[in-house]
N, C-alpha and C. Protein backbone atom coordinates (compact mmCIF):
# COMPACT_ATOMS: atom_id res chain seq x y z
N MET A 1 -25.72 103.47 122.67
CA MET A 1 -26.59 103.61 121.49
C MET A 1 -25.96 102.85 120.34
N THR A 2 -26.74 102.04 119.67
CA THR A 2 -26.23 101.24 118.57
C THR A 2 -25.94 102.11 117.36
N LYS A 3 -25.21 101.52 116.39
CA LYS A 3 -24.85 102.26 115.19
C LYS A 3 -26.09 102.69 114.42
N ARG A 4 -27.11 101.78 114.35
CA ARG A 4 -28.31 102.12 113.60
C ARG A 4 -29.08 103.24 114.28
N LEU A 5 -29.21 103.17 115.63
CA LEU A 5 -29.92 104.23 116.33
C LEU A 5 -29.21 105.55 116.18
N LEU A 6 -27.87 105.52 116.15
CA LEU A 6 -27.10 106.75 115.95
C LEU A 6 -27.36 107.32 114.57
N ALA A 7 -27.41 106.43 113.55
CA ALA A 7 -27.67 106.90 112.19
C ALA A 7 -29.06 107.51 112.09
N VAL A 8 -30.05 106.87 112.74
CA VAL A 8 -31.41 107.41 112.72
C VAL A 8 -31.45 108.77 113.40
N ALA A 9 -30.73 108.89 114.53
CA ALA A 9 -30.71 110.17 115.25
C ALA A 9 -30.08 111.26 114.41
N LEU A 10 -29.00 110.93 113.70
CA LEU A 10 -28.35 111.92 112.86
C LEU A 10 -29.26 112.36 111.73
N CYS A 11 -29.98 111.40 111.14
CA CYS A 11 -30.88 111.74 110.05
C CYS A 11 -32.04 112.59 110.56
N ALA A 12 -32.55 112.28 111.76
CA ALA A 12 -33.63 113.08 112.33
C ALA A 12 -33.17 114.51 112.58
N MET A 13 -31.93 114.66 113.03
CA MET A 13 -31.38 115.99 113.25
C MET A 13 -31.25 116.74 111.94
N ALA A 14 -30.85 116.01 110.89
CA ALA A 14 -30.70 116.66 109.58
C ALA A 14 -32.03 117.17 109.07
N VAL A 15 -33.10 116.37 109.26
CA VAL A 15 -34.42 116.80 108.82
C VAL A 15 -34.88 118.01 109.61
N ALA A 16 -34.64 117.99 110.93
CA ALA A 16 -35.06 119.11 111.77
C ALA A 16 -34.35 120.40 111.41
N CYS A 17 -33.14 120.27 110.90
CA CYS A 17 -32.35 121.45 110.53
C CYS A 17 -32.50 121.81 109.07
N GLY A 18 -33.46 121.21 108.38
CA GLY A 18 -33.66 121.52 106.97
C GLY A 18 -32.77 120.72 106.07
N GLY A 19 -32.30 119.57 106.50
CA GLY A 19 -31.41 118.76 105.68
C GLY A 19 -32.19 117.81 104.81
N ALA A 20 -32.03 116.50 105.04
CA ALA A 20 -32.67 115.50 104.20
C ALA A 20 -34.18 115.55 104.36
N ALA A 21 -34.90 115.25 103.29
CA ALA A 21 -36.36 115.23 103.31
C ALA A 21 -36.84 113.93 103.93
N GLN A 22 -38.19 113.81 104.05
CA GLN A 22 -38.76 112.64 104.69
C GLN A 22 -38.55 111.36 103.89
N ASP A 23 -38.17 111.48 102.62
CA ASP A 23 -37.91 110.28 101.84
C ASP A 23 -36.41 110.02 101.68
N SER A 24 -35.59 110.74 102.46
CA SER A 24 -34.14 110.68 102.27
C SER A 24 -33.40 110.47 103.58
N ALA A 25 -32.16 110.01 103.43
CA ALA A 25 -31.21 109.93 104.53
C ALA A 25 -29.92 110.55 104.05
N GLN A 26 -29.28 111.36 104.86
CA GLN A 26 -28.11 112.10 104.43
C GLN A 26 -27.06 112.09 105.52
N ARG A 27 -25.79 111.98 105.08
CA ARG A 27 -24.71 111.98 106.05
C ARG A 27 -23.39 112.34 105.38
N PRO A 28 -22.57 113.21 105.98
CA PRO A 28 -21.23 113.47 105.46
C PRO A 28 -20.27 112.39 105.95
N ILE A 29 -19.41 111.92 105.08
CA ILE A 29 -18.43 110.91 105.46
C ILE A 29 -17.06 111.32 104.93
N VAL A 30 -16.02 110.84 105.57
CA VAL A 30 -14.65 111.18 105.21
C VAL A 30 -13.90 109.90 104.83
N GLY A 31 -13.01 110.01 103.85
CA GLY A 31 -12.17 108.87 103.48
C GLY A 31 -12.71 108.02 102.36
N ILE A 32 -13.77 108.46 101.70
CA ILE A 32 -14.34 107.71 100.58
C ILE A 32 -14.81 108.73 99.55
N GLY A 33 -14.43 108.54 98.30
CA GLY A 33 -14.76 109.48 97.24
C GLY A 33 -16.14 109.26 96.65
N GLN A 34 -16.53 110.17 95.75
CA GLN A 34 -17.84 110.08 95.10
C GLN A 34 -18.01 108.76 94.36
N GLY A 35 -16.99 108.41 93.56
CA GLY A 35 -17.08 107.19 92.76
C GLY A 35 -17.20 105.95 93.62
N ARG A 36 -16.49 105.95 94.75
CA ARG A 36 -16.54 104.79 95.65
C ARG A 36 -17.93 104.61 96.24
N VAL A 37 -18.58 105.71 96.57
CA VAL A 37 -19.95 105.65 97.10
C VAL A 37 -20.89 105.05 96.06
N VAL A 38 -20.76 105.52 94.82
CA VAL A 38 -21.65 105.03 93.75
C VAL A 38 -21.43 103.53 93.51
N LEU A 39 -20.18 103.10 93.48
CA LEU A 39 -19.90 101.68 93.25
C LEU A 39 -20.40 100.82 94.41
N ALA A 40 -20.29 101.36 95.63
CA ALA A 40 -20.80 100.62 96.78
C ALA A 40 -22.31 100.46 96.68
N ALA A 41 -23.00 101.57 96.34
CA ALA A 41 -24.46 101.51 96.20
C ALA A 41 -24.87 100.56 95.08
N GLN A 42 -24.13 100.60 93.96
CA GLN A 42 -24.45 99.71 92.84
C GLN A 42 -24.29 98.25 93.23
N ASP A 43 -23.21 97.95 93.90
CA ASP A 43 -22.96 96.57 94.31
C ASP A 43 -24.07 96.07 95.23
N LEU A 44 -24.44 96.89 96.20
CA LEU A 44 -25.47 96.49 97.17
C LEU A 44 -26.82 96.32 96.51
N LEU A 45 -27.17 97.25 95.60
CA LEU A 45 -28.49 97.20 94.98
C LEU A 45 -28.60 96.06 93.97
N LEU A 46 -27.50 95.76 93.26
CA LEU A 46 -27.53 94.61 92.35
C LEU A 46 -27.73 93.31 93.12
N GLU A 47 -27.11 93.22 94.30
CA GLU A 47 -27.31 92.03 95.13
C GLU A 47 -28.77 91.89 95.58
N LYS A 48 -29.46 93.03 95.72
CA LYS A 48 -30.86 93.00 96.13
C LYS A 48 -31.82 92.82 94.96
N GLY A 49 -31.27 92.75 93.73
CA GLY A 49 -32.10 92.52 92.55
C GLY A 49 -32.58 93.77 91.85
N TYR A 50 -32.00 94.93 92.17
CA TYR A 50 -32.39 96.17 91.50
C TYR A 50 -31.63 96.35 90.20
N SER A 51 -32.27 97.00 89.24
CA SER A 51 -31.64 97.33 87.96
C SER A 51 -31.30 98.81 87.96
N CYS A 52 -30.03 99.14 87.76
CA CYS A 52 -29.60 100.53 87.77
C CYS A 52 -29.86 101.17 86.41
N THR A 53 -30.60 102.26 86.41
CA THR A 53 -30.88 102.98 85.17
C THR A 53 -29.86 104.07 84.89
N LYS A 54 -29.14 104.50 85.92
CA LYS A 54 -28.10 105.51 85.74
C LYS A 54 -27.00 105.28 86.75
N VAL A 55 -25.76 105.22 86.26
CA VAL A 55 -24.60 105.09 87.12
C VAL A 55 -23.53 106.05 86.59
N ASP A 56 -23.25 107.09 87.32
CA ASP A 56 -22.24 108.08 86.92
C ASP A 56 -21.29 108.28 88.10
N ALA A 57 -20.19 107.51 88.08
CA ALA A 57 -19.24 107.57 89.20
C ALA A 57 -18.55 108.93 89.27
N GLN A 58 -18.34 109.57 88.11
CA GLN A 58 -17.65 110.86 88.12
C GLN A 58 -18.50 111.94 88.76
N GLN A 59 -19.79 111.93 88.49
CA GLN A 59 -20.68 112.94 89.06
C GLN A 59 -21.26 112.51 90.40
N GLY A 60 -21.05 111.24 90.79
CA GLY A 60 -21.57 110.76 92.06
C GLY A 60 -23.07 110.56 92.06
N LEU A 61 -23.61 109.99 90.97
CA LEU A 61 -25.06 109.83 90.84
C LEU A 61 -25.40 108.38 90.50
N LEU A 62 -26.49 107.91 91.06
CA LEU A 62 -27.01 106.56 90.76
C LEU A 62 -28.51 106.58 90.96
N SER A 63 -29.23 105.87 90.08
CA SER A 63 -30.66 105.70 90.25
C SER A 63 -31.04 104.31 89.76
N THR A 64 -32.12 103.77 90.31
CA THR A 64 -32.56 102.43 89.95
C THR A 64 -33.97 102.48 89.36
N ASP A 65 -34.33 101.39 88.70
CA ASP A 65 -35.70 101.20 88.25
C ASP A 65 -36.53 100.68 89.42
N TRP A 66 -37.83 100.62 89.25
CA TRP A 66 -38.68 100.05 90.29
C TRP A 66 -38.40 98.56 90.43
N SER A 67 -38.28 98.11 91.65
CA SER A 67 -38.15 96.68 91.94
C SER A 67 -39.49 96.21 92.50
N ASN A 68 -40.26 95.53 91.64
CA ASN A 68 -41.62 95.16 92.00
C ASN A 68 -41.67 93.87 92.82
N GLN A 69 -42.23 93.98 93.99
CA GLN A 69 -42.49 92.84 94.86
C GLN A 69 -43.99 92.55 94.83
N PRO A 70 -44.42 91.43 95.40
CA PRO A 70 -45.85 91.10 95.34
C PRO A 70 -46.76 92.22 95.86
N ARG A 71 -46.36 92.89 96.93
CA ARG A 71 -47.23 93.90 97.52
C ARG A 71 -46.65 95.30 97.50
N ARG A 72 -45.37 95.42 97.17
CA ARG A 72 -44.71 96.72 97.29
C ARG A 72 -43.61 96.85 96.26
N SER A 73 -43.37 98.08 95.83
CA SER A 73 -42.32 98.36 94.86
C SER A 73 -41.50 99.55 95.36
N THR A 74 -40.19 99.48 95.16
CA THR A 74 -39.30 100.52 95.67
C THR A 74 -38.24 100.86 94.62
N ARG A 75 -37.83 102.10 94.61
CA ARG A 75 -36.68 102.51 93.80
C ARG A 75 -35.82 103.47 94.60
N TYR A 76 -34.53 103.60 94.19
CA TYR A 76 -33.58 104.40 94.96
C TYR A 76 -32.88 105.42 94.06
N GLU A 77 -32.47 106.50 94.70
CA GLU A 77 -31.59 107.49 94.08
C GLU A 77 -30.47 107.79 95.08
N VAL A 78 -29.23 107.78 94.59
CA VAL A 78 -28.07 108.04 95.45
C VAL A 78 -27.28 109.19 94.86
N GLN A 79 -26.87 110.11 95.71
CA GLN A 79 -26.06 111.24 95.28
C GLN A 79 -24.92 111.44 96.26
N ALA A 80 -23.71 111.63 95.74
CA ALA A 80 -22.53 111.89 96.57
C ALA A 80 -21.83 113.13 96.02
N VAL A 81 -21.76 114.18 96.82
CA VAL A 81 -21.15 115.43 96.38
C VAL A 81 -20.14 115.89 97.42
N PRO A 82 -19.08 116.57 97.00
CA PRO A 82 -18.11 117.08 97.96
C PRO A 82 -18.77 118.05 98.94
N SER A 83 -18.38 117.96 100.20
CA SER A 83 -18.94 118.84 101.23
C SER A 83 -18.35 120.24 101.08
N ASP A 84 -19.21 121.25 101.20
CA ASP A 84 -18.73 122.63 101.15
C ASP A 84 -18.43 123.16 102.54
N LYS A 85 -18.54 122.28 103.55
CA LYS A 85 -18.26 122.69 104.93
C LYS A 85 -17.06 121.96 105.53
N THR A 86 -16.90 120.68 105.15
CA THR A 86 -15.81 119.88 105.71
C THR A 86 -14.85 119.47 104.61
N PRO A 87 -13.62 119.96 104.61
CA PRO A 87 -12.65 119.59 103.57
C PRO A 87 -12.41 118.07 103.57
N GLY A 88 -12.40 117.49 102.38
CA GLY A 88 -12.14 116.06 102.25
C GLY A 88 -13.33 115.17 102.52
N ALA A 89 -14.47 115.76 102.84
CA ALA A 89 -15.67 114.97 103.14
C ALA A 89 -16.60 114.94 101.94
N VAL A 90 -17.42 113.91 101.88
CA VAL A 90 -18.43 113.75 100.84
C VAL A 90 -19.79 113.62 101.52
N VAL A 91 -20.75 114.38 101.05
CA VAL A 91 -22.11 114.30 101.59
C VAL A 91 -22.90 113.29 100.75
N VAL A 92 -23.34 112.22 101.40
CA VAL A 92 -24.07 111.15 100.72
C VAL A 92 -25.55 111.29 101.06
N THR A 93 -26.38 111.35 100.02
CA THR A 93 -27.83 111.42 100.18
C THR A 93 -28.47 110.23 99.49
N VAL A 94 -29.25 109.48 100.21
CA VAL A 94 -29.98 108.33 99.66
C VAL A 94 -31.47 108.65 99.72
N ARG A 95 -32.13 108.52 98.60
CA ARG A 95 -33.58 108.78 98.51
C ARG A 95 -34.27 107.47 98.14
N ALA A 96 -35.33 107.13 98.87
CA ALA A 96 -36.09 105.91 98.61
C ALA A 96 -37.55 106.26 98.40
N LEU A 97 -38.11 105.75 97.31
CA LEU A 97 -39.53 105.95 97.01
C LEU A 97 -40.20 104.60 96.88
N SER A 98 -41.42 104.50 97.42
CA SER A 98 -42.16 103.24 97.40
C SER A 98 -43.57 103.46 96.88
N ARG A 99 -44.21 102.37 96.50
CA ARG A 99 -45.61 102.38 96.11
C ARG A 99 -46.19 101.01 96.43
N ASP A 100 -47.46 100.98 96.72
CA ASP A 100 -48.13 99.75 97.12
C ASP A 100 -49.00 99.23 95.99
N ARG A 101 -49.09 97.91 95.90
CA ARG A 101 -49.94 97.31 94.89
C ARG A 101 -51.41 97.44 95.32
N THR A 102 -52.24 97.86 94.40
CA THR A 102 -53.68 98.00 94.64
C THR A 102 -54.44 97.19 93.59
N LEU A 103 -55.76 97.18 93.73
CA LEU A 103 -56.57 96.43 92.76
C LEU A 103 -56.44 97.02 91.36
N GLY A 104 -56.21 98.32 91.29
CA GLY A 104 -56.10 98.97 89.99
C GLY A 104 -54.68 99.10 89.48
N GLY A 105 -53.70 98.58 90.19
CA GLY A 105 -52.29 98.67 89.77
C GLY A 105 -51.40 99.05 90.93
N TRP A 106 -50.87 100.29 90.90
CA TRP A 106 -49.98 100.76 91.96
C TRP A 106 -50.49 102.06 92.53
N SER A 107 -50.26 102.24 93.81
CA SER A 107 -50.64 103.49 94.47
C SER A 107 -49.67 104.59 94.07
N PRO A 108 -50.00 105.86 94.34
CA PRO A 108 -49.01 106.95 94.12
C PRO A 108 -47.76 106.69 94.96
N GLU A 109 -46.62 107.09 94.43
CA GLU A 109 -45.37 106.85 95.15
C GLU A 109 -45.28 107.75 96.39
N TYR A 110 -44.58 107.26 97.39
CA TYR A 110 -44.41 108.00 98.64
C TYR A 110 -43.00 107.74 99.16
N GLY A 111 -42.52 108.65 100.00
CA GLY A 111 -41.18 108.53 100.54
C GLY A 111 -41.08 107.43 101.58
N SER A 112 -39.91 106.79 101.61
CA SER A 112 -39.66 105.74 102.59
C SER A 112 -38.31 106.01 103.24
N GLN A 113 -38.33 106.81 104.29
CA GLN A 113 -37.07 107.21 104.91
C GLN A 113 -36.36 106.04 105.58
N SER A 114 -37.11 105.08 106.10
CA SER A 114 -36.47 103.93 106.74
C SER A 114 -35.66 103.13 105.72
N ASP A 115 -36.20 102.96 104.49
CA ASP A 115 -35.44 102.27 103.45
C ASP A 115 -34.20 103.06 103.08
N ALA A 116 -34.33 104.38 103.01
CA ALA A 116 -33.17 105.23 102.69
C ALA A 116 -32.10 105.11 103.77
N GLU A 117 -32.51 105.12 105.02
CA GLU A 117 -31.55 105.00 106.12
C GLU A 117 -30.84 103.65 106.10
N ASN A 118 -31.58 102.59 105.80
CA ASN A 118 -30.98 101.25 105.77
C ASN A 118 -29.93 101.14 104.66
N LEU A 119 -30.25 101.70 103.47
CA LEU A 119 -29.28 101.63 102.37
C LEU A 119 -28.06 102.48 102.69
N LEU A 120 -28.25 103.65 103.28
CA LEU A 120 -27.11 104.50 103.64
C LEU A 120 -26.20 103.78 104.63
N GLU A 121 -26.79 103.11 105.60
CA GLU A 121 -25.98 102.38 106.56
C GLU A 121 -25.24 101.22 105.89
N ASP A 122 -25.90 100.56 104.92
CA ASP A 122 -25.24 99.47 104.20
C ASP A 122 -24.07 99.99 103.38
N ILE A 123 -24.22 101.18 102.79
CA ILE A 123 -23.12 101.77 102.01
C ILE A 123 -21.92 102.02 102.90
N LEU A 124 -22.16 102.57 104.08
CA LEU A 124 -21.05 102.83 105.01
C LEU A 124 -20.41 101.53 105.47
N GLY A 125 -21.21 100.48 105.68
CA GLY A 125 -20.66 99.19 106.08
C GLY A 125 -19.96 98.46 104.96
N TRP A 126 -20.39 98.74 103.70
CA TRP A 126 -19.77 98.10 102.53
C TRP A 126 -18.30 98.43 102.43
N GLU A 127 -17.93 99.65 102.79
CA GLU A 127 -16.53 100.07 102.69
C GLU A 127 -15.63 99.22 103.57
N ASP A 128 -16.16 98.74 104.69
CA ASP A 128 -15.34 97.94 105.60
C ASP A 128 -14.94 96.59 105.00
N THR A 129 -15.77 96.06 104.09
CA THR A 129 -15.49 94.75 103.49
C THR A 129 -15.18 94.85 102.01
N ALA A 130 -14.94 96.08 101.53
CA ALA A 130 -14.74 96.27 100.10
C ALA A 130 -13.50 95.55 99.59
N THR A 131 -12.48 95.40 100.43
CA THR A 131 -11.25 94.75 99.98
C THR A 131 -11.47 93.27 99.69
N GLU A 132 -12.55 92.70 100.23
CA GLU A 132 -12.83 91.29 100.01
C GLU A 132 -13.70 91.06 98.78
N LYS A 133 -14.19 92.14 98.17
CA LYS A 133 -15.10 92.02 97.05
C LYS A 133 -14.34 92.15 95.73
N PRO A 134 -14.79 91.49 94.67
CA PRO A 134 -14.15 91.64 93.36
C PRO A 134 -14.39 93.03 92.81
N PRO A 135 -13.55 93.48 91.89
CA PRO A 135 -13.76 94.80 91.29
C PRO A 135 -15.12 94.88 90.62
N ILE A 136 -15.69 96.07 90.64
CA ILE A 136 -17.02 96.28 90.07
C ILE A 136 -16.88 97.08 88.78
N THR A 137 -17.57 96.65 87.76
CA THR A 137 -17.61 97.40 86.51
C THR A 137 -18.90 98.18 86.47
N PRO A 138 -18.84 99.51 86.44
CA PRO A 138 -20.08 100.29 86.42
C PRO A 138 -20.94 99.96 85.21
N THR A 139 -22.23 99.99 85.39
CA THR A 139 -23.17 99.75 84.30
C THR A 139 -23.42 101.06 83.57
N GLU A 140 -23.04 101.13 82.29
CA GLU A 140 -23.21 102.36 81.54
C GLU A 140 -24.63 102.44 80.99
N PRO A 141 -25.25 103.63 80.99
CA PRO A 141 -26.58 103.77 80.43
C PRO A 141 -26.55 103.56 78.92
N SER A 142 -27.68 103.09 78.34
CA SER A 142 -27.76 102.86 76.91
C SER A 142 -27.89 104.18 76.17
N CYS A 143 -27.55 104.16 74.88
CA CYS A 143 -27.60 105.39 74.08
C CYS A 143 -27.71 105.03 72.61
N LYS A 144 -28.14 106.01 71.81
CA LYS A 144 -28.17 105.89 70.36
C LYS A 144 -27.13 106.80 69.70
N GLY A 145 -26.70 107.80 70.42
CA GLY A 145 -25.69 108.73 69.94
C GLY A 145 -25.04 109.42 71.11
N SER A 146 -23.92 110.08 70.87
CA SER A 146 -23.18 110.72 71.96
C SER A 146 -23.99 111.83 72.63
N ALA A 147 -25.00 112.37 71.91
CA ALA A 147 -25.84 113.41 72.50
C ALA A 147 -26.68 112.86 73.65
N ASP A 148 -26.87 111.54 73.69
CA ASP A 148 -27.65 110.93 74.77
C ASP A 148 -26.84 110.73 76.04
N CYS A 149 -25.54 110.95 75.97
CA CYS A 149 -24.65 110.64 77.10
C CYS A 149 -24.33 111.90 77.90
N PRO A 150 -24.00 111.73 79.19
CA PRO A 150 -23.64 112.90 80.01
C PRO A 150 -22.26 113.42 79.64
N ALA A 151 -21.92 114.55 80.20
CA ALA A 151 -20.60 115.14 79.95
C ALA A 151 -19.50 114.18 80.37
N GLY A 152 -18.46 114.09 79.55
CA GLY A 152 -17.34 113.20 79.86
C GLY A 152 -17.51 111.80 79.32
N GLN A 153 -18.62 111.52 78.60
CA GLN A 153 -18.86 110.20 78.04
C GLN A 153 -19.36 110.33 76.60
N HIS A 154 -19.16 109.27 75.83
CA HIS A 154 -19.66 109.21 74.45
C HIS A 154 -20.31 107.86 74.22
N CYS A 155 -21.05 107.74 73.14
CA CYS A 155 -21.78 106.52 72.85
C CYS A 155 -20.90 105.55 72.08
N GLY A 156 -20.74 104.35 72.63
CA GLY A 156 -19.96 103.31 71.97
C GLY A 156 -20.64 101.97 72.09
N SER A 157 -21.03 101.39 70.95
CA SER A 157 -21.73 100.09 70.94
C SER A 157 -23.00 100.12 71.77
N GLY A 158 -23.72 101.25 71.71
CA GLY A 158 -25.00 101.36 72.40
C GLY A 158 -24.90 101.68 73.87
N ARG A 159 -23.69 101.97 74.37
CA ARG A 159 -23.50 102.28 75.78
C ARG A 159 -22.71 103.57 75.94
N CYS A 160 -23.03 104.35 76.97
CA CYS A 160 -22.27 105.55 77.28
C CYS A 160 -20.98 105.14 77.99
N VAL A 161 -19.86 105.41 77.38
CA VAL A 161 -18.57 104.97 77.92
C VAL A 161 -17.61 106.15 77.96
N SER A 162 -16.52 105.96 78.66
CA SER A 162 -15.49 106.99 78.76
C SER A 162 -14.12 106.31 78.68
N GLU A 163 -13.28 106.78 77.76
CA GLU A 163 -11.93 106.25 77.63
C GLU A 163 -10.95 106.95 78.56
N CYS A 164 -11.30 108.15 78.98
CA CYS A 164 -10.36 108.93 79.76
C CYS A 164 -11.10 109.98 80.58
N THR A 165 -10.45 110.43 81.62
CA THR A 165 -10.95 111.55 82.41
C THR A 165 -10.00 112.74 82.35
N GLY A 166 -8.84 112.51 81.81
CA GLY A 166 -7.83 113.56 81.65
C GLY A 166 -6.81 113.13 80.62
N SER A 167 -6.04 114.06 80.12
CA SER A 167 -5.08 113.75 79.06
C SER A 167 -3.98 112.80 79.53
N THR A 168 -3.78 112.67 80.85
CA THR A 168 -2.78 111.72 81.35
C THR A 168 -3.21 110.28 81.08
N ASP A 169 -4.50 110.05 80.80
CA ASP A 169 -4.98 108.70 80.50
C ASP A 169 -4.75 108.33 79.04
N CYS A 170 -4.32 109.29 78.23
CA CYS A 170 -4.16 109.08 76.80
C CYS A 170 -2.69 108.88 76.44
N GLY A 171 -2.46 108.47 75.20
CA GLY A 171 -1.11 108.23 74.73
C GLY A 171 -0.41 109.51 74.32
N ALA A 172 0.80 109.33 73.81
CA ALA A 172 1.58 110.48 73.35
C ALA A 172 0.85 111.16 72.19
N GLN A 173 0.95 112.46 72.13
CA GLN A 173 0.32 113.26 71.09
C GLN A 173 -1.20 113.11 71.07
N GLU A 174 -1.79 112.78 72.24
CA GLU A 174 -3.24 112.68 72.35
C GLU A 174 -3.71 113.50 73.55
N GLN A 175 -4.98 113.89 73.51
CA GLN A 175 -5.58 114.60 74.62
C GLN A 175 -7.02 114.10 74.81
N CYS A 176 -7.53 114.27 76.02
CA CYS A 176 -8.88 113.82 76.36
C CYS A 176 -9.86 114.94 76.04
N ASP A 177 -10.86 114.65 75.18
CA ASP A 177 -11.82 115.69 74.83
C ASP A 177 -13.00 115.69 75.79
N GLY A 178 -13.97 116.56 75.55
CA GLY A 178 -15.10 116.72 76.45
C GLY A 178 -16.04 115.54 76.49
N LYS A 179 -15.89 114.57 75.59
CA LYS A 179 -16.74 113.38 75.57
C LYS A 179 -16.00 112.14 76.07
N GLY A 180 -14.85 112.34 76.71
CA GLY A 180 -14.13 111.20 77.27
C GLY A 180 -13.45 110.35 76.23
N ARG A 181 -12.97 110.97 75.14
CA ARG A 181 -12.27 110.25 74.08
C ARG A 181 -10.85 110.76 73.95
N CYS A 182 -9.91 109.85 73.70
CA CYS A 182 -8.54 110.25 73.42
C CYS A 182 -8.42 110.59 71.94
N VAL A 183 -8.15 111.82 71.64
CA VAL A 183 -8.08 112.27 70.25
C VAL A 183 -6.67 112.77 69.96
N GLN A 184 -6.28 112.66 68.70
CA GLN A 184 -4.95 113.08 68.28
C GLN A 184 -4.82 114.60 68.36
N VAL A 185 -3.70 115.03 68.90
CA VAL A 185 -3.43 116.46 68.97
C VAL A 185 -2.94 116.92 67.60
N VAL A 186 -3.62 117.87 67.02
CA VAL A 186 -3.25 118.39 65.70
C VAL A 186 -2.39 119.63 65.89
N GLU A 187 -1.13 119.50 65.51
CA GLU A 187 -0.22 120.64 65.62
C GLU A 187 -0.55 121.66 64.54
N PRO A 188 -0.55 122.94 64.89
CA PRO A 188 -0.82 123.97 63.87
C PRO A 188 0.26 123.97 62.79
N VAL A 189 -0.17 124.09 61.56
CA VAL A 189 0.77 124.10 60.43
C VAL A 189 1.37 125.49 60.29
N PRO A 190 2.72 125.60 60.34
CA PRO A 190 3.33 126.93 60.21
C PRO A 190 3.11 127.48 58.80
N PRO A 191 3.01 128.79 58.68
CA PRO A 191 2.81 129.37 57.35
C PRO A 191 4.00 129.11 56.44
N ALA A 192 3.72 128.94 55.15
CA ALA A 192 4.79 128.67 54.18
C ALA A 192 5.68 129.91 54.04
N PRO A 193 7.00 129.71 53.89
CA PRO A 193 7.89 130.87 53.73
C PRO A 193 7.58 131.61 52.44
N ASP A 194 7.92 132.91 52.42
CA ASP A 194 7.66 133.74 51.25
C ASP A 194 8.60 133.32 50.14
N MET A 195 8.06 132.76 49.07
CA MET A 195 8.86 132.25 47.94
C MET A 195 8.83 133.20 46.76
N ALA A 196 8.60 134.48 47.01
CA ALA A 196 8.52 135.45 45.90
C ALA A 196 9.86 135.52 45.16
N VAL A 197 9.83 135.50 43.85
CA VAL A 197 11.03 135.53 43.00
C VAL A 197 11.18 136.92 42.38
N GLU A 198 12.39 137.38 42.45
CA GLU A 198 12.65 138.71 41.88
C GLU A 198 12.39 138.68 40.38
N LYS A 199 11.57 139.62 39.93
CA LYS A 199 11.24 139.67 38.50
C LYS A 199 12.30 140.47 37.75
N ARG A 200 12.65 139.97 36.54
CA ARG A 200 13.61 140.66 35.67
C ARG A 200 12.91 141.13 34.41
N PRO A 201 13.46 142.16 33.80
CA PRO A 201 12.83 142.66 32.54
C PRO A 201 12.83 141.55 31.50
N ALA A 202 11.75 141.47 30.76
CA ALA A 202 11.64 140.44 29.72
C ALA A 202 12.58 140.75 28.57
N ALA A 203 13.18 139.71 27.96
CA ALA A 203 14.09 139.88 26.83
C ALA A 203 13.30 140.04 25.55
N LYS A 204 13.83 140.83 24.61
CA LYS A 204 13.20 141.02 23.31
C LYS A 204 13.64 139.93 22.36
N ASN A 205 12.69 139.40 21.62
CA ASN A 205 12.95 138.35 20.63
C ASN A 205 13.63 137.15 21.25
N GLY A 206 13.40 136.95 22.54
CA GLY A 206 13.97 135.77 23.19
C GLY A 206 15.44 135.91 23.49
N LYS A 207 16.06 137.08 23.25
CA LYS A 207 17.49 137.27 23.50
C LYS A 207 17.69 138.49 24.37
N ASN A 208 18.78 138.45 25.08
CA ASN A 208 19.16 139.63 25.88
C ASN A 208 19.68 140.70 24.96
N THR A 209 19.35 141.94 25.22
CA THR A 209 19.85 143.04 24.39
C THR A 209 20.79 143.89 25.21
N LYS A 210 21.73 144.47 24.49
CA LYS A 210 22.69 145.34 25.15
C LYS A 210 22.49 146.75 24.64
N THR A 211 22.70 147.68 25.48
CA THR A 211 22.53 149.09 25.11
C THR A 211 23.91 149.66 24.80
N THR A 212 24.01 150.25 23.59
CA THR A 212 25.28 150.84 23.18
C THR A 212 25.18 152.34 23.20
N ASN A 213 26.25 152.99 23.50
CA ASN A 213 26.29 154.45 23.51
C ASN A 213 26.66 154.97 22.12
């Protein structure tokens, strides 16, 4: 049985067992992290002419815009999450949606499991040749403010970016905040010591007086 037929059989089994839907292909894999899956999918889809609308390597999420062809349009969603059954494994789910061109525009979208299976297989094959490819810079989603960005990112120059994922990525006396920024650690100011001065009786007429018996 060829690799593709095996992948199709696995996906069919997953659907029969309540796994991937008819528009999806799903498979657990070992030895590749969430971020690596997302970068592989991004690289492959950019080569095919797709525009990524969301790329979150930390959360293992990717989605594309519609890629319009003369008669058909397709878009993809990729998700990679740690497996809750197999330690060290990542469950990769690829979802493909298509629509056909009609006289009035586009038909309602429908699932395309064959496209999802093909992209999933390409992602698994991409890892074999990844060492020959140049490093990939993830495409950050656009934003107007940090509120538009996901957790772990902030808005910088119109793009959601992250300077750090942990305080080890920051300099001395800095820590990584919830928006992926290295911020200065503010040490608490100790309370001022008690400077109370012992009060003495006031002198009369500006001079000290003595008491005589």
